[in-house]
Amino acid sequence: MSIRVLLVDDHSVVIDGLRMFLGLDPELEIVGQAANGAEAITLAHRLRPDVVLMDLLMPVMDGITATGLIRRELPEVEVVALTSVLEDEKVIGAIRAGAIGYLLKDTEADELRRAIKAAAAGQVQLSPQVVERLLHEVKEPEEPARLGDHEEEVLRLLARGRSNDEIARVLQVQEKTVKSLIGDILAKLGVPSRTQAALYAVRTGLVTLEEQEG
């Protein structure tokens, strides 16, 4: 089954380029395109994509605001930020809003395709530069969340960049059980995305930064 992708960017030349090289991959299906965050929310509700490829700097509604609303209203839809800027404010804003990944527009086509597939599989993938920026913003909690043994192991594997399927195989459970456990973990941690859960795991010492990057 193909991965359904919604493209969001206010520059038609960017959309055309993304459609061209993502369309070459039979595992990816471009189901729609939006020129701003408000359109993206409307289309995400209508089309229910697996992944939204979200520009951050747009008129009407910016990508960070749209990401937060999509993640809150459609938690099963993953968002990957695709932008031309690597500013701390934008990186932190996108991840806080719930983006599972953050890529620059000069990313190679193959890497972008891999990132979309990873997002659809629930894999947290961040470059070391992004992790470094984010960890400065993630404070160690005064009182760590109380997670069950199963939840703690799922969080550890998630933070190491494992996909839902890989976690299911390690724990010898069904993939839908893993998704349910991750939903419970996000609720207990009070965060909107796997990425923030992974950063929590690093900050609390559940995994090391080297493990997260690996």
Protein backbone atom coordinates (compact mmCIF):
# COMPACT_ATOMS: atom_id res chain seq x y z
CA MET A 1 0.00 0.00 0.00
CA SER A 2 1.39 3.41 -0.97
CA ILE A 3 2.15 6.22 1.48
CA ARG A 4 -0.26 9.12 1.00
CA VAL A 5 1.54 12.49 0.97
CA LEU A 6 0.14 16.03 1.14
CA LEU A 7 2.48 18.79 -0.12
CA VAL A 8 2.29 22.25 1.46
CA ASP A 9 4.27 25.18 0.04
CA ASP A 10 3.38 28.63 -1.27
CA HIS A 11 5.82 28.40 -4.18
CA SER A 12 4.43 26.51 -7.17
CA VAL A 13 7.93 25.77 -8.49
CA VAL A 14 8.72 23.91 -5.23
CA ILE A 15 5.45 21.96 -5.41
CA ASP A 16 6.11 21.05 -9.06
CA GLY A 17 9.62 19.86 -8.23
CA LEU A 18 8.40 17.77 -5.28
CA ARG A 19 5.62 16.25 -7.38
CA MET A 20 8.12 15.35 -10.09
CA PHE A 21 10.72 13.49 -8.05
CA LEU A 22 8.46 12.08 -5.33
CA GLY A 23 6.14 10.83 -8.07
CA LEU A 24 8.93 8.63 -9.39
CA ASP A 25 8.71 6.47 -6.27
CA PRO A 26 5.93 3.85 -6.55
CA GLU A 27 5.68 3.69 -2.74
CA LEU A 28 4.61 7.34 -2.54
CA GLU A 29 1.29 8.82 -3.67
CA ILE A 30 0.83 12.61 -3.83
CA VAL A 31 -2.81 13.05 -2.80
CA GLY A 32 -2.97 16.85 -2.75
CA GLN A 33 -1.23 20.20 -2.44
CA ALA A 34 -1.84 23.36 -0.44
CA ALA A 35 -0.40 26.88 -0.69
CA ASN A 36 -0.73 27.82 2.99
CA GLY A 37 -1.36 26.39 6.43
CA ALA A 38 -5.11 27.02 6.42
CA GLU A 39 -5.51 25.09 3.16
CA ALA A 40 -3.30 22.34 4.56
CA ILE A 41 -5.62 21.81 7.54
CA THR A 42 -8.72 21.66 5.33
CA LEU A 43 -7.10 19.17 2.95
CA ALA A 44 -5.61 17.06 5.75
CA HIS A 45 -9.12 16.56 7.17
CA ARG A 46 -10.52 15.71 3.75
CA LEU A 47 -7.71 13.56 2.36
CA ARG A 48 -6.32 11.96 5.55
CA PRO A 49 -2.73 11.66 4.26
CA ASP A 50 -0.14 9.56 6.06
CA VAL A 51 2.45 12.35 5.90
CA VAL A 52 2.27 16.12 5.36
CA LEU A 53 5.39 17.74 3.91
CA MET A 54 5.10 21.21 5.43
CA ASP A 55 6.81 24.46 4.48
CA LEU A 56 7.13 26.80 7.48
CA LEU A 57 7.15 30.30 5.97
CA MET A 58 3.81 30.90 4.22
CA PRO A 59 1.10 33.57 3.98
CA VAL A 60 -2.37 33.29 5.63
CA MET A 61 -1.18 30.70 8.15
CA ASP A 62 2.41 29.63 8.76
CA GLY A 63 3.53 26.00 8.82
CA ILE A 64 4.25 25.85 12.55
CA THR A 65 0.70 26.90 13.45
CA ALA A 66 -0.73 24.47 10.87
CA THR A 67 1.45 21.64 12.17
CA GLY A 68 0.20 22.14 15.70
CA LEU A 69 -3.45 22.10 14.60
CA ILE A 70 -3.04 19.05 12.37
CA ARG A 71 -1.27 17.09 15.10
CA ARG A 72 -3.94 18.03 17.64
CA GLU A 73 -6.92 17.33 15.36
CA LEU A 74 -5.46 14.41 13.36
CA PRO A 75 -2.85 12.69 15.58
CA GLU A 76 -2.50 9.79 13.14
CA VAL A 77 -1.11 12.17 10.48
CA GLU A 78 2.65 12.77 10.71
CA VAL A 79 4.17 16.11 9.67
CA VAL A 80 7.68 16.62 8.27
CA ALA A 81 8.88 20.22 8.16
CA LEU A 82 10.61 21.11 4.89
CA THR A 83 12.11 24.59 4.96
CA SER A 84 14.94 26.78 3.77
CA VAL A 85 15.89 27.96 7.27
CA LEU A 86 17.77 26.29 10.12
CA GLU A 87 16.99 28.84 12.81
CA ASP A 88 16.65 27.76 16.42
CA GLU A 89 13.27 29.47 16.69
CA LYS A 90 11.87 27.65 13.65
CA VAL A 91 13.35 24.25 14.55
CA ILE A 92 12.07 24.46 18.11
CA GLY A 93 8.68 25.80 17.01
CA ALA A 94 8.14 23.02 14.45
CA ILE A 95 9.11 20.22 16.82
CA ARG A 96 7.09 21.68 19.69
CA ALA A 97 4.11 21.83 17.33
CA GLY A 98 4.46 18.11 16.71
CA ALA A 99 6.58 17.64 13.55
CA ILE A 100 8.27 14.24 13.48
CA GLY A 101 11.10 15.49 11.24
CA TYR A 102 12.81 18.68 10.10
CA LEU A 103 14.55 18.88 6.73
CA LEU A 104 16.09 21.65 4.68
CA LYS A 105 15.04 22.28 1.08
CA ASP A 106 18.53 21.48 -0.18
CA THR A 107 18.07 17.89 1.06
CA GLU A 108 18.83 15.29 -1.64
CA ALA A 109 15.78 13.70 -3.27
CA ASP A 110 16.65 10.20 -2.02
CA GLU A 111 17.04 11.45 1.54
CA LEU A 112 13.69 13.23 1.37
CA ARG A 113 11.97 10.08 0.12
CA ARG A 114 13.55 8.07 2.94
CA ALA A 115 12.43 10.67 5.50
CA ILE A 116 8.82 10.51 4.28
CA LYS A 117 8.82 6.71 4.52
CA ALA A 118 10.43 6.87 7.95
CA ALA A 119 7.77 9.34 9.16
CA ALA A 120 4.98 7.08 7.87
CA ALA A 121 6.57 4.19 9.79
CA GLY A 122 6.75 6.28 12.97
CA GLN A 123 10.53 6.69 12.95
CA VAL A 124 12.01 9.74 14.59
CA GLN A 125 14.80 11.08 12.38
CA LEU A 126 16.62 14.28 13.25
CA SER A 127 20.00 15.52 12.15
CA PRO A 128 22.62 15.93 14.94
CA GLN A 129 22.49 19.75 14.47
CA VAL A 130 18.75 19.74 15.08
CA VAL A 131 19.04 17.48 18.14
CA GLU A 132 21.72 19.75 19.57
CA ARG A 133 19.48 22.80 19.19
CA LEU A 134 16.46 21.04 20.66
CA LEU A 135 18.11 19.60 23.74
CA HIS A 136 18.93 23.10 24.95
CA GLU A 137 15.20 23.76 25.02
CA VAL A 138 14.10 20.52 26.66
CA LYS A 139 14.45 20.80 30.40
CA GLU A 140 14.75 17.69 32.54
CA PRO A 141 11.38 17.24 34.24
CA GLU A 142 11.23 17.82 38.00
CA GLU A 143 9.18 14.64 38.34
CA PRO A 144 9.60 12.06 35.54
CA ALA A 145 6.39 10.61 34.12
CA ARG A 146 5.35 7.26 35.51
CA LEU A 147 5.58 4.83 32.63
CA GLY A 148 4.94 1.11 32.78
CA ASP A 149 7.74 -1.31 31.89
CA HIS A 150 6.27 -1.93 28.43
CA GLU A 151 5.85 1.80 27.82
CA GLU A 152 9.40 2.54 28.94
CA GLU A 153 10.80 -0.07 26.55
CA VAL A 154 8.69 1.29 23.68
CA LEU A 155 9.95 4.81 24.43
CA ARG A 156 13.54 3.60 24.51
CA LEU A 157 13.17 1.90 21.11
CA LEU A 158 11.29 4.88 19.66
CA ALA A 159 14.08 7.22 20.79
CA ARG A 160 16.62 4.97 19.07
CA GLY A 161 14.82 5.58 15.78
CA ARG A 162 13.01 2.26 15.49
CA SER A 163 9.84 2.04 13.40
CA ASN A 164 6.48 0.81 14.69
CA ASP A 165 7.03 -2.48 12.90
CA GLU A 166 10.51 -2.93 14.37
CA ILE A 167 9.27 -2.17 17.89
CA ALA A 168 6.44 -4.66 17.42
CA ARG A 169 8.91 -7.38 16.39
CA VAL A 170 11.23 -6.70 19.35
CA LEU A 171 8.34 -6.81 21.85
CA GLN A 172 6.56 -9.63 19.99
CA VAL A 173 3.28 -7.76 19.83
CA GLN A 174 1.09 -6.46 17.02
CA GLU A 175 1.88 -3.12 15.38
CA LYS A 176 -1.48 -1.69 16.45
CA THR A 177 -0.52 -2.46 20.07
CA VAL A 178 2.67 -0.42 19.59
CA LYS A 179 0.69 2.52 18.18
CA SER A 180 -1.67 2.35 21.15
CA LEU A 181 1.24 2.27 23.62
CA ILE A 182 2.88 5.26 21.91
CA GLY A 183 -0.40 7.18 22.17
CA ASP A 184 -0.48 6.42 25.90
CA ILE A 185 3.16 7.52 26.27
CA LEU A 186 2.54 10.85 24.52
CA ALA A 187 -0.46 11.47 26.76
CA LYS A 188 1.50 10.69 29.94
CA LEU A 189 4.43 12.88 28.87
CA GLY A 190 2.09 15.66 27.75
CA VAL A 191 3.78 16.04 24.35
CA PRO A 192 2.23 16.02 20.83
CA SER A 193 4.86 14.04 18.93
CA ARG A 194 7.23 11.09 18.99
CA THR A 195 10.09 13.49 18.43
CA GLN A 196 9.44 15.28 21.71
CA ALA A 197 9.03 11.92 23.43
CA ALA A 198 12.44 10.88 22.05
CA LEU A 199 14.02 14.10 23.34
CA TYR A 200 12.44 13.45 26.74
CA ALA A 201 14.08 10.00 26.72
CA VAL A 202 17.48 11.58 26.05
CA ARG A 203 17.02 14.31 28.63
CA THR A 204 15.98 11.85 31.36
CA GLY A 205 18.82 9.43 30.55
CA LEU A 206 16.64 6.63 29.22
CA VAL A 207 18.84 6.64 26.11
CA THR A 208 22.10 8.42 25.35
CA LEU A 209 22.44 11.12 22.68
CA GLU A 210 24.73 8.73 20.75
CA GLU A 211 22.00 6.05 20.77
CA GLN A 212 19.43 8.58 19.57
CA GLU A 213 21.66 9.66 16.73
CA GLY A 214 22.44 6.07 15.85
